[in-house]
Amino acid sequence: MDLSKALEDLYAEKEKLERAIASLEALQRAGGELPRLPNSGKRRGRKSMNLQERAEVSERMKKYWANRRKHKT
């Protein structure tokens, strides 16, 4: 790993961060509000299942655990 290249990259990133911090501080001093990001409307987390999908998963897991118990003994 080239240390001089790594240092150069880190200093460049530091400059970007300092500029971003300075602009945010200037915005804060001016009393301006930060721009709001648009809400994508996408739901986060797991997808809900309907009754049929739930039953399929239940059967699949029953078979899985029965197989695990059978091989354990």
N, C-alpha and C. Protein backbone atom coordinates (compact mmCIF):
# COMPACT_ATOMS: atom_id res chain seq x y z
N MET A 1 0.84 -1.17 0.00
CA MET A 1 0.00 0.00 0.00
C MET A 1 0.89 1.24 0.00
N ASP A 2 0.59 2.16 -0.87
CA ASP A 2 1.37 3.38 -0.99
C ASP A 2 0.87 4.39 0.04
N LEU A 3 1.70 4.65 1.06
CA LEU A 3 1.29 5.55 2.15
C LEU A 3 1.09 6.98 1.67
N SER A 4 1.93 7.43 0.76
CA SER A 4 1.77 8.81 0.29
C SER A 4 0.45 8.98 -0.46
N LYS A 5 0.05 7.97 -1.22
CA LYS A 5 -1.24 8.02 -1.92
C LYS A 5 -2.40 8.01 -0.93
N ALA A 6 -2.28 7.18 0.11
CA ALA A 6 -3.32 7.12 1.14
C ALA A 6 -3.45 8.45 1.85
N LEU A 7 -2.31 9.06 2.19
CA LEU A 7 -2.34 10.37 2.85
C LEU A 7 -2.94 11.44 1.95
N GLU A 8 -2.59 11.40 0.68
CA GLU A 8 -3.13 12.37 -0.28
C GLU A 8 -4.65 12.24 -0.38
N ASP A 9 -5.13 11.02 -0.43
CA ASP A 9 -6.58 10.79 -0.49
C ASP A 9 -7.27 11.28 0.78
N LEU A 10 -6.65 11.01 1.93
CA LEU A 10 -7.24 11.46 3.19
C LEU A 10 -7.26 12.98 3.31
N TYR A 11 -6.21 13.65 2.87
CA TYR A 11 -6.20 15.11 2.90
C TYR A 11 -7.25 15.69 1.95
N ALA A 12 -7.44 15.06 0.80
CA ALA A 12 -8.47 15.53 -0.13
C ALA A 12 -9.85 15.37 0.49
N GLU A 13 -10.08 14.24 1.16
CA GLU A 13 -11.37 14.01 1.83
C GLU A 13 -11.56 15.01 2.96
N LYS A 14 -10.47 15.32 3.67
CA LYS A 14 -10.54 16.29 4.76
C LYS A 14 -10.94 17.66 4.23
N GLU A 15 -10.39 18.05 3.10
CA GLU A 15 -10.74 19.34 2.49
C GLU A 15 -12.22 19.38 2.11
N LYS A 16 -12.72 18.30 1.54
CA LYS A 16 -14.14 18.23 1.18
C LYS A 16 -15.02 18.38 2.41
N LEU A 17 -14.64 17.69 3.48
CA LEU A 17 -15.41 17.76 4.72
C LEU A 17 -15.38 19.16 5.31
N GLU A 18 -14.21 19.79 5.30
CA GLU A 18 -14.11 21.14 5.84
C GLU A 18 -14.96 22.13 5.05
N ARG A 19 -15.00 21.98 3.72
CA ARG A 19 -15.85 22.85 2.91
C ARG A 19 -17.32 22.62 3.21
N ALA A 20 -17.71 21.35 3.37
CA ALA A 20 -19.10 21.03 3.67
C ALA A 20 -19.50 21.57 5.03
N ILE A 21 -18.62 21.42 6.01
CA ILE A 21 -18.90 21.93 7.36
C ILE A 21 -19.03 23.45 7.33
N ALA A 22 -18.12 24.11 6.61
CA ALA A 22 -18.17 25.57 6.53
C ALA A 22 -19.47 26.05 5.88
N SER A 23 -19.91 25.38 4.84
CA SER A 23 -21.15 25.82 4.18
C SER A 23 -22.36 25.57 5.08
N LEU A 24 -22.36 24.47 5.82
CA LEU A 24 -23.46 24.22 6.74
C LEU A 24 -23.48 25.21 7.89
N GLU A 25 -22.30 25.56 8.39
CA GLU A 25 -22.23 26.57 9.45
C GLU A 25 -22.71 27.92 8.96
N ALA A 26 -22.34 28.28 7.72
CA ALA A 26 -22.80 29.55 7.15
C ALA A 26 -24.31 29.54 6.99
N LEU A 27 -24.85 28.44 6.58
CA LEU A 27 -26.30 28.32 6.42
C LEU A 27 -26.99 28.44 7.78
N GLN A 28 -26.39 27.85 8.79
CA GLN A 28 -26.96 27.91 10.14
C GLN A 28 -26.92 29.34 10.67
N ARG A 29 -25.80 30.05 10.43
CA ARG A 29 -25.69 31.43 10.90
C ARG A 29 -26.70 32.34 10.19
N ALA A 30 -26.98 32.04 8.94
CA ALA A 30 -27.92 32.85 8.17
C ALA A 30 -29.36 32.54 8.56
N GLY A 31 -29.55 31.52 9.36
CA GLY A 31 -30.90 31.18 9.79
C GLY A 31 -31.67 30.38 8.78
N GLY A 32 -30.98 29.91 7.76
CA GLY A 32 -31.64 29.11 6.73
C GLY A 32 -31.88 27.71 7.20
N GLU A 33 -32.81 27.07 6.53
CA GLU A 33 -33.11 25.69 6.85
C GLU A 33 -32.40 24.76 5.88
N LEU A 34 -32.07 23.60 6.34
CA LEU A 34 -31.45 22.60 5.48
C LEU A 34 -32.49 22.09 4.48
N PRO A 35 -32.10 21.85 3.26
CA PRO A 35 -33.06 21.33 2.28
C PRO A 35 -33.53 19.94 2.68
N ARG A 36 -34.80 19.70 2.52
CA ARG A 36 -35.38 18.39 2.85
C ARG A 36 -35.22 17.44 1.67
N LEU A 37 -34.88 16.22 2.00
CA LEU A 37 -34.79 15.20 0.97
C LEU A 37 -36.19 14.71 0.65
N PRO A 38 -36.49 14.47 -0.61
CA PRO A 38 -37.82 14.00 -0.94
C PRO A 38 -38.05 12.60 -0.40
N ASN A 39 -39.26 12.35 0.08
CA ASN A 39 -39.61 11.03 0.61
C ASN A 39 -39.88 10.10 -0.57
N SER A 40 -39.16 9.01 -0.62
CA SER A 40 -39.30 8.10 -1.75
C SER A 40 -40.62 7.33 -1.69
N GLY A 41 -41.24 7.28 -0.53
CA GLY A 41 -42.50 6.57 -0.40
C GLY A 41 -42.34 5.07 -0.27
N LYS A 42 -41.12 4.60 -0.36
CA LYS A 42 -40.90 3.16 -0.24
C LYS A 42 -40.92 2.78 1.23
N ARG A 43 -41.52 1.66 1.50
CA ARG A 43 -41.60 1.16 2.85
C ARG A 43 -40.35 0.37 3.17
N ARG A 44 -39.81 0.60 4.33
CA ARG A 44 -38.62 -0.14 4.73
C ARG A 44 -39.02 -1.33 5.57
N GLY A 45 -38.14 -2.29 5.66
CA GLY A 45 -38.39 -3.45 6.49
C GLY A 45 -38.88 -4.63 5.68
N ARG A 46 -39.44 -5.58 6.38
CA ARG A 46 -39.87 -6.81 5.74
C ARG A 46 -41.20 -6.63 5.02
N LYS A 47 -41.37 -7.42 3.98
CA LYS A 47 -42.62 -7.43 3.23
C LYS A 47 -43.61 -8.27 4.02
N SER A 48 -44.85 -7.82 4.11
CA SER A 48 -45.84 -8.61 4.80
C SER A 48 -46.31 -9.75 3.89
N MET A 49 -46.73 -10.85 4.50
CA MET A 49 -47.16 -12.02 3.74
C MET A 49 -48.67 -12.18 3.85
N ASN A 50 -49.27 -12.68 2.78
CA ASN A 50 -50.69 -13.00 2.86
C ASN A 50 -50.85 -14.38 3.49
N LEU A 51 -52.08 -14.83 3.67
CA LEU A 51 -52.32 -16.10 4.37
C LEU A 51 -51.73 -17.30 3.62
N GLN A 52 -51.81 -17.29 2.31
CA GLN A 52 -51.28 -18.41 1.54
C GLN A 52 -49.76 -18.49 1.67
N GLU A 53 -49.08 -17.36 1.56
CA GLU A 53 -47.62 -17.36 1.71
C GLU A 53 -47.21 -17.80 3.11
N ARG A 54 -47.97 -17.36 4.11
CA ARG A 54 -47.68 -17.73 5.49
C ARG A 54 -47.82 -19.25 5.67
N ALA A 55 -48.86 -19.83 5.08
CA ALA A 55 -49.08 -21.28 5.19
C ALA A 55 -47.95 -22.04 4.49
N GLU A 56 -47.50 -21.55 3.33
CA GLU A 56 -46.40 -22.21 2.62
C GLU A 56 -45.12 -22.19 3.45
N VAL A 57 -44.84 -21.06 4.06
CA VAL A 57 -43.64 -20.96 4.91
C VAL A 57 -43.77 -21.89 6.10
N SER A 58 -44.97 -21.95 6.68
CA SER A 58 -45.19 -22.81 7.83
C SER A 58 -44.93 -24.27 7.48
N GLU A 59 -45.47 -24.73 6.36
CA GLU A 59 -45.25 -26.11 5.93
C GLU A 59 -43.77 -26.37 5.66
N ARG A 60 -43.13 -25.45 5.00
CA ARG A 60 -41.71 -25.60 4.68
C ARG A 60 -40.88 -25.70 5.97
N MET A 61 -41.20 -24.88 6.96
CA MET A 61 -40.44 -24.91 8.21
C MET A 61 -40.74 -26.17 9.02
N LYS A 62 -41.98 -26.65 8.97
CA LYS A 62 -42.30 -27.91 9.66
C LYS A 62 -41.47 -29.05 9.09
N LYS A 63 -41.37 -29.11 7.75
CA LYS A 63 -40.55 -30.15 7.12
C LYS A 63 -39.08 -29.98 7.49
N TYR A 64 -38.62 -28.74 7.51
CA TYR A 64 -37.22 -28.46 7.82
C TYR A 64 -36.88 -28.95 9.24
N TRP A 65 -37.71 -28.59 10.22
CA TRP A 65 -37.41 -28.96 11.60
C TRP A 65 -37.60 -30.45 11.83
N ALA A 66 -38.57 -31.06 11.15
CA ALA A 66 -38.73 -32.51 11.26
C ALA A 66 -37.49 -33.21 10.74
N ASN A 67 -36.97 -32.75 9.63
CA ASN A 67 -35.75 -33.31 9.05
C ASN A 67 -34.57 -33.11 9.99
N ARG A 68 -34.49 -31.96 10.62
CA ARG A 68 -33.39 -31.70 11.57
C ARG A 68 -33.47 -32.63 12.78
N ARG A 69 -34.70 -32.83 13.30
CA ARG A 69 -34.86 -33.73 14.44
C ARG A 69 -34.53 -35.16 14.07
N LYS A 70 -34.90 -35.57 12.85
CA LYS A 70 -34.66 -36.93 12.40
C LYS A 70 -33.16 -37.20 12.30
N HIS A 71 -32.40 -36.24 11.77
CA HIS A 71 -30.95 -36.42 11.60
C HIS A 71 -30.18 -36.26 12.90
N LYS A 72 -30.78 -35.64 13.88
CA LYS A 72 -30.09 -35.40 15.16
C LYS A 72 -29.95 -36.70 15.95
N THR A 73 -30.90 -37.61 15.84
CA THR A 73 -30.86 -38.85 16.63
C THR A 73 -30.11 -39.95 15.95
